[in-house]
Amino acid sequence: MLGTDGIPTVVPHGVDDEAGVRHREVVLRPVTGWEEIRLADLPLAARAATTTSLLAACAVQVGGWRNLEEGVLRALTRGDRHHLLLVLYQALGGDTLPLVARCPNPACRALSDLEMRVSELLAPRREAAPIVVTTSVGAVRVREPTGEDDEAVEPLPRELRAAALEE
């Protein structure tokens, strides 16, 4: 792991540099009251941009990058960004994540309280094999959406967002 003070973690996917080297090691610093105030002032509808803003404030290092630009954090996949948010939550609120879920049975729809362990959600995963789809114009490699993708579709009406990310 990187030799920097902070909260070290390894994201599932990572980001590649210009030489094609993948960087998965990330060091975060805990969220401060200042970030909490800034987050309270950001619009809830801009979730991807808000995530980038928070990660830019708290990410100390990604691989060999130390003076991080938001572009590096936007290049992380949605799953990597969620992983980092969970690490920040764990540092701020502990390992228990309280949730409320609605029963999916249409005849029930009751609410239930449940708790999850952040550490279980952050368990290491195996790297998935790349998905390649053959189309009429050639082979296309499918990748997870990135923060940049999410920010690009954020201004679209909700019903168009999923379609835009599928193209």
Foldseek 3Di string as FASTA:
>chain_A
DDDDPAAWDFFQFAAADPVRDGWGIWGWHADDVVLVVVLVPDDPLQVLVNLLVRCQVTTQDTGPDGNDDSVRQQRAFPRRSVLVVLSNCCVVPNQKDWDWDFDPPPVGRDIDIDIDGSVVVNPHDDRDDWDWDQDPVGIDTDDGRGSNLCNVCSVPPPVCSVVSNVD
